[in-house]
N, C-alpha and C. Protein backbone atom coordinates (compact mmCIF):
# COMPACT_ATOMS: atom_id res chain seq x y z
N UNK A 1 23.67 8.49 -19.72
CA UNK A 1 23.68 8.14 -18.32
C UNK A 1 23.06 6.75 -18.17
N UNK A 2 23.60 5.96 -17.28
CA UNK A 2 23.16 4.59 -17.08
C UNK A 2 22.13 4.55 -15.95
N UNK A 3 20.85 4.59 -16.27
CA UNK A 3 19.78 4.55 -15.28
C UNK A 3 19.36 3.11 -15.04
N UNK A 4 19.13 2.78 -13.79
CA UNK A 4 18.64 1.46 -13.43
C UNK A 4 17.14 1.57 -13.22
N UNK A 5 16.41 0.60 -13.76
CA UNK A 5 14.95 0.60 -13.66
C UNK A 5 14.53 -0.76 -13.11
N UNK A 6 13.85 -0.76 -11.97
CA UNK A 6 13.32 -1.99 -11.39
C UNK A 6 11.89 -1.71 -10.95
N UNK A 7 11.01 -2.64 -11.29
CA UNK A 7 9.59 -2.51 -10.94
C UNK A 7 9.17 -3.71 -10.12
N UNK A 8 8.49 -3.46 -9.00
CA UNK A 8 8.01 -4.53 -8.12
C UNK A 8 6.54 -4.27 -7.82
N UNK A 9 5.73 -5.30 -7.94
CA UNK A 9 4.30 -5.20 -7.67
C UNK A 9 3.98 -6.09 -6.47
N UNK A 10 3.35 -5.50 -5.44
CA UNK A 10 3.04 -6.22 -4.21
C UNK A 10 1.55 -6.10 -3.95
N UNK A 11 0.87 -7.24 -3.84
CA UNK A 11 -0.57 -7.24 -3.58
C UNK A 11 -0.81 -7.23 -2.07
N UNK A 12 -1.60 -6.29 -1.63
CA UNK A 12 -1.94 -6.19 -0.21
C UNK A 12 -2.93 -7.29 0.15
N UNK A 13 -2.74 -7.85 1.31
CA UNK A 13 -3.64 -8.91 1.78
C UNK A 13 -5.03 -8.34 1.99
N UNK A 14 -6.02 -9.00 1.40
CA UNK A 14 -7.40 -8.53 1.54
C UNK A 14 -8.09 -9.28 2.66
N UNK A 15 -9.05 -8.64 3.23
CA UNK A 15 -9.82 -9.24 4.31
C UNK A 15 -10.71 -10.34 3.74
N UNK A 16 -10.86 -11.44 4.45
CA UNK A 16 -11.75 -12.50 3.97
C UNK A 16 -13.22 -12.10 4.01
N UNK A 17 -13.53 -10.98 4.64
CA UNK A 17 -14.92 -10.53 4.75
C UNK A 17 -15.37 -9.67 3.58
N UNK A 18 -14.44 -9.29 2.69
CA UNK A 18 -14.83 -8.41 1.59
C UNK A 18 -15.78 -9.08 0.60
N UNK A 19 -15.51 -10.30 0.21
CA UNK A 19 -16.38 -11.01 -0.74
C UNK A 19 -17.78 -11.21 -0.20
N UNK A 20 -17.90 -11.83 0.99
CA UNK A 20 -19.24 -11.97 1.57
C UNK A 20 -19.91 -10.63 1.89
N UNK A 21 -19.11 -9.62 2.25
CA UNK A 21 -19.68 -8.30 2.53
C UNK A 21 -20.30 -7.68 1.30
N UNK A 22 -19.62 -7.84 0.17
CA UNK A 22 -20.15 -7.31 -1.09
C UNK A 22 -21.45 -8.03 -1.46
N UNK A 23 -21.48 -9.34 -1.31
CA UNK A 23 -22.69 -10.13 -1.63
C UNK A 23 -23.84 -9.71 -0.71
N UNK A 24 -23.52 -9.50 0.57
CA UNK A 24 -24.55 -9.08 1.52
C UNK A 24 -25.11 -7.70 1.16
N UNK A 25 -24.24 -6.78 0.77
CA UNK A 25 -24.72 -5.44 0.38
C UNK A 25 -25.60 -5.50 -0.86
N UNK A 26 -25.21 -6.30 -1.86
CA UNK A 26 -26.07 -6.45 -3.04
C UNK A 26 -27.40 -7.11 -2.68
N UNK A 27 -27.38 -8.08 -1.75
CA UNK A 27 -28.63 -8.73 -1.33
C UNK A 27 -29.55 -7.73 -0.63
N UNK A 28 -28.98 -6.90 0.24
CA UNK A 28 -29.79 -5.89 0.93
C UNK A 28 -30.35 -4.88 -0.08
N UNK A 29 -29.53 -4.50 -1.04
CA UNK A 29 -30.00 -3.57 -2.08
C UNK A 29 -31.14 -4.18 -2.88
N UNK A 30 -31.04 -5.47 -3.18
CA UNK A 30 -32.10 -6.16 -3.92
C UNK A 30 -33.39 -6.21 -3.10
N UNK A 31 -33.28 -6.52 -1.81
CA UNK A 31 -34.47 -6.57 -0.94
C UNK A 31 -35.11 -5.18 -0.87
N UNK A 32 -34.28 -4.15 -0.72
CA UNK A 32 -34.83 -2.77 -0.68
C UNK A 32 -35.53 -2.43 -1.99
N UNK A 33 -34.96 -2.85 -3.10
CA UNK A 33 -35.57 -2.59 -4.40
C UNK A 33 -36.91 -3.33 -4.53
N UNK A 34 -36.98 -4.57 -4.06
CA UNK A 34 -38.24 -5.31 -4.11
C UNK A 34 -39.31 -4.65 -3.25
N UNK A 35 -38.91 -4.18 -2.05
CA UNK A 35 -39.87 -3.49 -1.19
C UNK A 35 -40.34 -2.20 -1.86
N UNK A 36 -39.42 -1.51 -2.55
CA UNK A 36 -39.80 -0.27 -3.24
C UNK A 36 -40.76 -0.56 -4.38
N UNK A 37 -40.56 -1.68 -5.08
CA UNK A 37 -41.47 -2.05 -6.19
C UNK A 37 -42.85 -2.40 -5.65
N UNK A 38 -42.90 -3.00 -4.47
CA UNK A 38 -44.18 -3.39 -3.88
C UNK A 38 -44.97 -2.21 -3.34
N UNK A 39 -44.41 -1.02 -3.34
CA UNK A 39 -45.23 0.12 -2.97
C UNK A 39 -44.58 1.14 -2.06
N UNK A 40 -43.55 0.80 -1.32
CA UNK A 40 -42.92 1.75 -0.42
C UNK A 40 -41.68 2.33 -1.10
N UNK A 41 -41.88 3.43 -1.81
CA UNK A 41 -40.83 3.98 -2.68
C UNK A 41 -39.66 4.61 -1.91
N UNK A 42 -39.80 4.75 -0.59
CA UNK A 42 -38.70 5.28 0.21
C UNK A 42 -37.51 4.33 0.19
N UNK A 43 -37.79 3.05 0.03
CA UNK A 43 -36.72 2.04 0.05
C UNK A 43 -35.83 2.10 -1.20
N UNK A 44 -36.26 2.81 -2.21
CA UNK A 44 -35.42 2.93 -3.41
C UNK A 44 -34.13 3.69 -3.08
N UNK A 45 -34.20 4.63 -2.14
CA UNK A 45 -33.01 5.37 -1.70
C UNK A 45 -32.04 4.40 -1.02
N UNK A 46 -32.56 3.54 -0.16
CA UNK A 46 -31.71 2.54 0.51
C UNK A 46 -31.08 1.59 -0.49
N UNK A 47 -31.85 1.19 -1.49
CA UNK A 47 -31.32 0.28 -2.52
C UNK A 47 -30.18 0.95 -3.26
N UNK A 48 -30.34 2.22 -3.61
CA UNK A 48 -29.27 2.93 -4.32
C UNK A 48 -28.03 3.11 -3.46
N UNK A 49 -28.24 3.39 -2.17
CA UNK A 49 -27.09 3.57 -1.28
C UNK A 49 -26.31 2.27 -1.11
N UNK A 50 -27.00 1.17 -0.84
CA UNK A 50 -26.32 -0.12 -0.65
C UNK A 50 -25.62 -0.57 -1.93
N UNK A 51 -26.26 -0.38 -3.06
CA UNK A 51 -25.64 -0.76 -4.33
C UNK A 51 -24.41 0.10 -4.62
N UNK A 52 -24.49 1.39 -4.31
CA UNK A 52 -23.35 2.28 -4.54
C UNK A 52 -22.17 1.90 -3.64
N UNK A 53 -22.45 1.58 -2.39
CA UNK A 53 -21.37 1.17 -1.48
C UNK A 53 -20.72 -0.12 -1.98
N UNK A 54 -21.53 -1.08 -2.40
CA UNK A 54 -20.99 -2.35 -2.89
C UNK A 54 -20.18 -2.16 -4.16
N UNK A 55 -20.59 -1.23 -5.01
CA UNK A 55 -19.93 -1.05 -6.30
C UNK A 55 -18.71 -0.13 -6.23
N UNK A 56 -18.79 0.94 -5.43
CA UNK A 56 -17.72 1.94 -5.41
C UNK A 56 -16.76 1.82 -4.23
N UNK A 57 -17.25 1.50 -3.04
CA UNK A 57 -16.41 1.53 -1.85
C UNK A 57 -15.67 0.22 -1.62
N UNK A 58 -16.34 -0.90 -1.72
CA UNK A 58 -15.71 -2.19 -1.45
C UNK A 58 -14.49 -2.45 -2.36
N UNK A 59 -14.53 -2.15 -3.65
CA UNK A 59 -13.33 -2.38 -4.48
C UNK A 59 -12.12 -1.56 -4.08
N UNK A 60 -12.30 -0.49 -3.34
CA UNK A 60 -11.16 0.32 -2.91
C UNK A 60 -10.29 -0.41 -1.90
N UNK A 61 -10.78 -1.52 -1.35
CA UNK A 61 -10.00 -2.29 -0.40
C UNK A 61 -9.15 -3.36 -1.09
N UNK A 62 -9.27 -3.52 -2.38
CA UNK A 62 -8.43 -4.43 -3.16
C UNK A 62 -7.23 -3.62 -3.66
N UNK A 63 -6.13 -3.66 -2.91
CA UNK A 63 -5.01 -2.75 -3.14
C UNK A 63 -3.75 -3.51 -3.53
N UNK A 64 -3.01 -2.92 -4.46
CA UNK A 64 -1.67 -3.38 -4.82
C UNK A 64 -0.75 -2.16 -4.74
N UNK A 65 0.49 -2.40 -4.36
CA UNK A 65 1.49 -1.34 -4.36
C UNK A 65 2.51 -1.63 -5.44
N UNK A 66 2.87 -0.61 -6.18
CA UNK A 66 3.90 -0.74 -7.21
C UNK A 66 5.07 0.15 -6.83
N UNK A 67 6.25 -0.47 -6.72
CA UNK A 67 7.47 0.28 -6.43
C UNK A 67 8.25 0.40 -7.73
N UNK A 68 8.64 1.60 -8.08
CA UNK A 68 9.49 1.84 -9.25
C UNK A 68 10.80 2.45 -8.76
N UNK A 69 11.89 1.73 -8.98
CA UNK A 69 13.20 2.26 -8.65
C UNK A 69 13.84 2.77 -9.93
N UNK A 70 14.00 4.09 -10.00
CA UNK A 70 14.62 4.70 -11.16
C UNK A 70 15.61 5.74 -10.66
N UNK A 71 16.86 5.56 -11.01
CA UNK A 71 17.89 6.56 -10.78
C UNK A 71 17.86 7.13 -9.36
N UNK A 72 18.10 6.27 -8.37
CA UNK A 72 18.22 6.65 -6.96
C UNK A 72 16.93 7.19 -6.36
N UNK A 73 15.82 6.74 -6.85
CA UNK A 73 14.54 7.19 -6.34
C UNK A 73 13.53 6.04 -6.41
N UNK A 74 12.76 5.88 -5.34
CA UNK A 74 11.70 4.87 -5.32
C UNK A 74 10.37 5.62 -5.34
N UNK A 75 9.59 5.35 -6.35
CA UNK A 75 8.26 5.93 -6.48
C UNK A 75 7.25 4.85 -6.12
N UNK A 76 6.33 5.16 -5.21
CA UNK A 76 5.36 4.18 -4.74
C UNK A 76 3.97 4.61 -5.19
N UNK A 77 3.31 3.71 -5.93
CA UNK A 77 1.94 3.95 -6.40
C UNK A 77 1.01 2.94 -5.76
N UNK A 78 -0.22 3.37 -5.50
CA UNK A 78 -1.25 2.47 -4.98
C UNK A 78 -2.24 2.21 -6.10
N UNK A 79 -2.49 0.94 -6.39
CA UNK A 79 -3.42 0.55 -7.44
C UNK A 79 -4.63 -0.08 -6.77
N UNK A 80 -5.80 0.52 -6.98
CA UNK A 80 -7.02 0.03 -6.36
C UNK A 80 -7.87 -0.71 -7.38
N UNK A 81 -8.21 -1.94 -7.08
CA UNK A 81 -9.05 -2.80 -7.92
C UNK A 81 -8.50 -2.96 -9.33
N UNK A 82 -7.20 -2.87 -9.49
CA UNK A 82 -6.54 -3.01 -10.80
C UNK A 82 -7.08 -2.02 -11.83
N UNK A 83 -7.66 -0.91 -11.36
CA UNK A 83 -8.25 0.08 -12.25
C UNK A 83 -7.69 1.48 -12.00
N UNK A 84 -7.67 1.90 -10.76
CA UNK A 84 -7.27 3.26 -10.43
C UNK A 84 -5.87 3.26 -9.85
N UNK A 85 -5.05 4.16 -10.33
CA UNK A 85 -3.67 4.29 -9.85
C UNK A 85 -3.52 5.66 -9.20
N UNK A 86 -2.86 5.66 -8.04
CA UNK A 86 -2.62 6.90 -7.33
C UNK A 86 -1.19 6.90 -6.80
N UNK A 87 -0.46 7.96 -7.09
CA UNK A 87 0.89 8.09 -6.56
C UNK A 87 0.78 8.45 -5.09
N UNK A 88 1.44 7.67 -4.21
CA UNK A 88 1.30 7.92 -2.78
C UNK A 88 2.58 8.44 -2.11
N UNK A 89 3.76 8.07 -2.61
CA UNK A 89 4.98 8.51 -1.94
C UNK A 89 6.18 8.37 -2.86
N UNK A 90 7.16 9.22 -2.65
CA UNK A 90 8.43 9.15 -3.37
C UNK A 90 9.56 9.22 -2.35
N UNK A 91 10.51 8.30 -2.46
CA UNK A 91 11.66 8.27 -1.57
C UNK A 91 12.89 8.60 -2.39
N UNK A 92 13.54 9.71 -2.07
CA UNK A 92 14.80 10.08 -2.70
C UNK A 92 15.91 9.40 -1.90
N UNK A 93 16.52 8.37 -2.46
CA UNK A 93 17.49 7.57 -1.73
C UNK A 93 18.77 8.33 -1.42
N UNK A 94 19.00 9.47 -2.04
CA UNK A 94 20.14 10.29 -1.68
C UNK A 94 20.01 10.82 -0.26
N UNK A 95 18.76 10.91 0.24
CA UNK A 95 18.51 11.38 1.61
C UNK A 95 18.21 10.23 2.57
N UNK A 96 18.47 8.99 2.13
CA UNK A 96 18.26 7.82 2.97
C UNK A 96 19.40 7.71 3.98
N UNK A 97 19.04 7.38 5.23
CA UNK A 97 20.06 7.16 6.24
C UNK A 97 20.43 5.69 6.35
N UNK A 98 19.42 4.83 6.33
CA UNK A 98 19.65 3.40 6.45
C UNK A 98 18.45 2.65 5.87
N UNK A 99 18.71 1.45 5.36
CA UNK A 99 17.64 0.55 4.91
C UNK A 99 17.94 -0.81 5.51
N UNK A 100 16.99 -1.33 6.30
CA UNK A 100 17.22 -2.58 7.01
C UNK A 100 15.91 -3.36 7.11
N UNK A 101 16.02 -4.68 7.34
CA UNK A 101 14.78 -5.45 7.57
C UNK A 101 14.01 -4.88 8.75
N UNK A 102 12.71 -5.02 8.71
CA UNK A 102 11.83 -4.44 9.73
C UNK A 102 12.19 -4.94 11.12
N UNK A 103 12.67 -6.17 11.23
CA UNK A 103 12.99 -6.76 12.52
C UNK A 103 14.39 -6.40 13.01
N UNK A 104 15.13 -5.62 12.27
CA UNK A 104 16.51 -5.28 12.61
C UNK A 104 16.58 -4.34 13.81
N UNK A 105 17.59 -4.57 14.64
CA UNK A 105 17.78 -3.69 15.80
C UNK A 105 18.42 -2.36 15.39
N UNK A 106 18.87 -2.25 14.16
CA UNK A 106 19.40 -0.98 13.66
C UNK A 106 18.31 0.10 13.64
N UNK A 107 17.06 -0.32 13.58
CA UNK A 107 15.93 0.62 13.50
C UNK A 107 15.37 1.02 14.86
N UNK A 108 15.82 0.35 15.92
CA UNK A 108 15.28 0.62 17.26
C UNK A 108 15.41 2.08 17.70
N UNK A 109 16.55 2.74 17.46
CA UNK A 109 16.63 4.16 17.90
C UNK A 109 15.59 5.05 17.21
N UNK A 110 15.27 4.75 15.97
CA UNK A 110 14.29 5.56 15.24
C UNK A 110 12.88 5.29 15.74
N UNK A 111 12.58 4.04 16.04
CA UNK A 111 11.25 3.70 16.55
C UNK A 111 11.05 4.26 17.95
N UNK A 112 12.13 4.28 18.75
CA UNK A 112 12.03 4.80 20.11
C UNK A 112 11.73 6.29 20.12
N UNK A 113 12.14 7.00 19.08
CA UNK A 113 11.87 8.44 18.99
C UNK A 113 10.48 8.73 18.45
N UNK A 114 9.75 7.71 18.05
CA UNK A 114 8.39 7.92 17.54
C UNK A 114 8.38 8.54 16.16
N UNK A 115 9.29 8.10 15.31
CA UNK A 115 9.38 8.63 13.95
C UNK A 115 8.13 8.22 13.18
N UNK A 116 7.61 9.13 12.38
CA UNK A 116 6.43 8.85 11.55
C UNK A 116 6.75 7.73 10.58
N UNK A 117 5.80 6.81 10.39
CA UNK A 117 6.07 5.68 9.50
C UNK A 117 4.92 5.48 8.53
N UNK A 118 5.27 4.96 7.36
CA UNK A 118 4.31 4.61 6.32
C UNK A 118 4.49 3.13 5.99
N UNK A 119 3.38 2.43 5.82
CA UNK A 119 3.43 1.00 5.51
C UNK A 119 2.87 0.78 4.11
N UNK A 120 3.75 0.41 3.18
CA UNK A 120 3.35 0.10 1.81
C UNK A 120 3.69 -1.36 1.51
N UNK A 121 3.30 -2.25 2.41
CA UNK A 121 3.62 -3.67 2.27
C UNK A 121 2.34 -4.48 2.08
N UNK A 122 2.52 -5.78 1.87
CA UNK A 122 1.37 -6.65 1.63
C UNK A 122 0.61 -6.97 2.91
N UNK A 123 1.26 -6.86 4.05
CA UNK A 123 0.62 -7.22 5.30
C UNK A 123 0.72 -8.70 5.62
N UNK A 124 1.37 -9.46 4.76
CA UNK A 124 1.56 -10.89 4.99
C UNK A 124 2.61 -11.06 6.09
N UNK A 125 2.38 -11.97 7.05
CA UNK A 125 3.33 -12.12 8.16
C UNK A 125 4.68 -12.70 7.74
N UNK A 126 4.74 -13.48 6.68
CA UNK A 126 6.00 -14.12 6.28
C UNK A 126 6.74 -13.35 5.19
N UNK A 127 6.27 -12.17 4.82
CA UNK A 127 6.91 -11.39 3.76
C UNK A 127 8.20 -10.76 4.28
N UNK A 128 9.17 -10.60 3.39
CA UNK A 128 10.45 -9.97 3.74
C UNK A 128 10.31 -8.47 3.54
N UNK A 129 10.08 -7.76 4.66
CA UNK A 129 9.85 -6.32 4.61
C UNK A 129 11.10 -5.56 5.04
N UNK A 130 11.29 -4.41 4.43
CA UNK A 130 12.41 -3.53 4.75
C UNK A 130 11.88 -2.16 5.13
N UNK A 131 12.58 -1.50 6.05
CA UNK A 131 12.27 -0.13 6.42
C UNK A 131 13.38 0.78 5.91
N UNK A 132 12.96 1.88 5.33
CA UNK A 132 13.91 2.90 4.88
C UNK A 132 13.77 4.08 5.83
N UNK A 133 14.87 4.46 6.48
CA UNK A 133 14.89 5.66 7.29
C UNK A 133 15.30 6.78 6.35
N UNK A 134 14.44 7.75 6.24
CA UNK A 134 14.54 8.73 5.16
C UNK A 134 14.30 10.12 5.73
N UNK A 135 15.11 11.07 5.33
CA UNK A 135 14.92 12.48 5.72
C UNK A 135 13.90 13.06 4.77
N UNK A 136 12.65 13.19 5.22
CA UNK A 136 11.54 13.56 4.36
C UNK A 136 11.29 15.04 4.19
N UNK A 137 12.27 15.88 4.41
CA UNK A 137 12.06 17.32 4.20
C UNK A 137 11.19 17.92 5.29
N UNK A 138 9.98 18.34 4.94
CA UNK A 138 9.06 18.97 5.91
C UNK A 138 8.62 18.01 7.00
N UNK A 139 8.60 16.72 6.71
CA UNK A 139 8.14 15.73 7.68
C UNK A 139 9.21 15.33 8.67
N UNK A 140 10.45 15.67 8.42
CA UNK A 140 11.54 15.21 9.27
C UNK A 140 11.89 13.77 8.91
N UNK A 141 12.34 13.02 9.91
CA UNK A 141 12.66 11.62 9.66
C UNK A 141 11.39 10.81 9.47
N UNK A 142 11.44 9.89 8.52
CA UNK A 142 10.28 9.05 8.19
C UNK A 142 10.76 7.62 8.01
N UNK A 143 9.97 6.66 8.48
CA UNK A 143 10.20 5.24 8.21
C UNK A 143 9.23 4.81 7.12
N UNK A 144 9.76 4.28 6.03
CA UNK A 144 8.91 3.81 4.94
C UNK A 144 9.13 2.31 4.81
N UNK A 145 8.07 1.52 5.03
CA UNK A 145 8.15 0.07 4.94
C UNK A 145 7.75 -0.38 3.54
N UNK A 146 8.62 -1.19 2.91
CA UNK A 146 8.35 -1.73 1.58
C UNK A 146 8.77 -3.20 1.54
N UNK A 147 8.41 -3.87 0.46
CA UNK A 147 8.80 -5.26 0.22
C UNK A 147 9.55 -5.35 -1.11
N UNK A 148 10.82 -4.98 -1.13
CA UNK A 148 11.55 -5.07 -2.39
C UNK A 148 11.93 -6.51 -2.71
N UNK A 149 12.08 -6.80 -3.99
CA UNK A 149 12.56 -8.13 -4.36
C UNK A 149 14.09 -8.09 -4.41
N UNK A 150 14.70 -9.22 -4.74
CA UNK A 150 16.15 -9.32 -4.78
C UNK A 150 16.79 -8.38 -5.78
N UNK A 151 16.14 -8.21 -6.92
CA UNK A 151 16.68 -7.34 -7.96
C UNK A 151 16.72 -5.88 -7.51
N UNK A 152 15.65 -5.44 -6.83
CA UNK A 152 15.63 -4.06 -6.35
C UNK A 152 16.67 -3.86 -5.25
N UNK A 153 16.80 -4.84 -4.36
CA UNK A 153 17.81 -4.73 -3.31
C UNK A 153 19.22 -4.64 -3.89
N UNK A 154 19.51 -5.44 -4.92
CA UNK A 154 20.83 -5.39 -5.57
C UNK A 154 21.06 -4.04 -6.23
N UNK A 155 20.04 -3.51 -6.88
CA UNK A 155 20.18 -2.21 -7.54
C UNK A 155 20.46 -1.10 -6.54
N UNK A 156 19.77 -1.13 -5.40
CA UNK A 156 19.99 -0.11 -4.38
C UNK A 156 21.36 -0.31 -3.73
N UNK A 157 21.71 -1.57 -3.47
CA UNK A 157 22.99 -1.85 -2.82
C UNK A 157 24.18 -1.49 -3.72
N UNK A 158 24.01 -1.57 -5.03
CA UNK A 158 25.08 -1.16 -5.93
C UNK A 158 25.40 0.33 -5.79
N UNK A 159 24.40 1.13 -5.50
CA UNK A 159 24.59 2.57 -5.40
C UNK A 159 24.92 2.98 -3.96
N UNK A 160 24.28 2.34 -2.98
CA UNK A 160 24.46 2.69 -1.56
C UNK A 160 24.87 1.45 -0.76
N UNK A 161 26.08 0.94 -0.94
CA UNK A 161 26.45 -0.33 -0.30
C UNK A 161 26.52 -0.26 1.23
N UNK A 162 26.85 0.88 1.79
CA UNK A 162 27.02 0.96 3.25
C UNK A 162 25.71 1.29 3.98
N UNK A 163 24.67 1.63 3.26
CA UNK A 163 23.41 2.01 3.88
C UNK A 163 22.40 0.87 3.92
N UNK A 164 22.70 -0.24 3.30
CA UNK A 164 21.79 -1.38 3.25
C UNK A 164 22.24 -2.44 4.25
N UNK A 165 21.36 -2.80 5.16
CA UNK A 165 21.64 -3.87 6.14
C UNK A 165 20.81 -5.07 5.73
N UNK A 166 21.46 -6.20 5.49
CA UNK A 166 20.73 -7.43 5.15
C UNK A 166 21.06 -8.49 6.18
N UNK A 167 20.01 -9.15 6.66
CA UNK A 167 20.20 -10.22 7.63
C UNK A 167 19.49 -11.46 7.16
């Protein structure tokens, strides 16, 4: 069987406050640790909490999405801090109704009905984003926003030429 495999990696836009926020949390943890060393040992708990937040929580906001198109299916994984990978969604394109750019008027009837939507894009304003209207089984109709590259669009269009709208 001739399976098509396309992989796309999209980095989510990070907040400009994450770097300074991490530095501020480490600074507060250091100050708490110094106060604890000087005699008030209650501050050691604060130092541990601030250091843990800076080390464990802040990196979770550094997100990349990986789209894998294999044999009429798009698998979407979320990669946090280039270390942890989590599978977040799978789109079976056999149940796709339409795929169009986010700004397309073809999607207006679905948005007017308040269809549940998922955003797996970079968040960049100039990125070329597409919405997939998908029959999600238990969820009903779902809008899934992704940023496919040209190769992925060609691979999907080869299999589903009438369901892809390009503008």
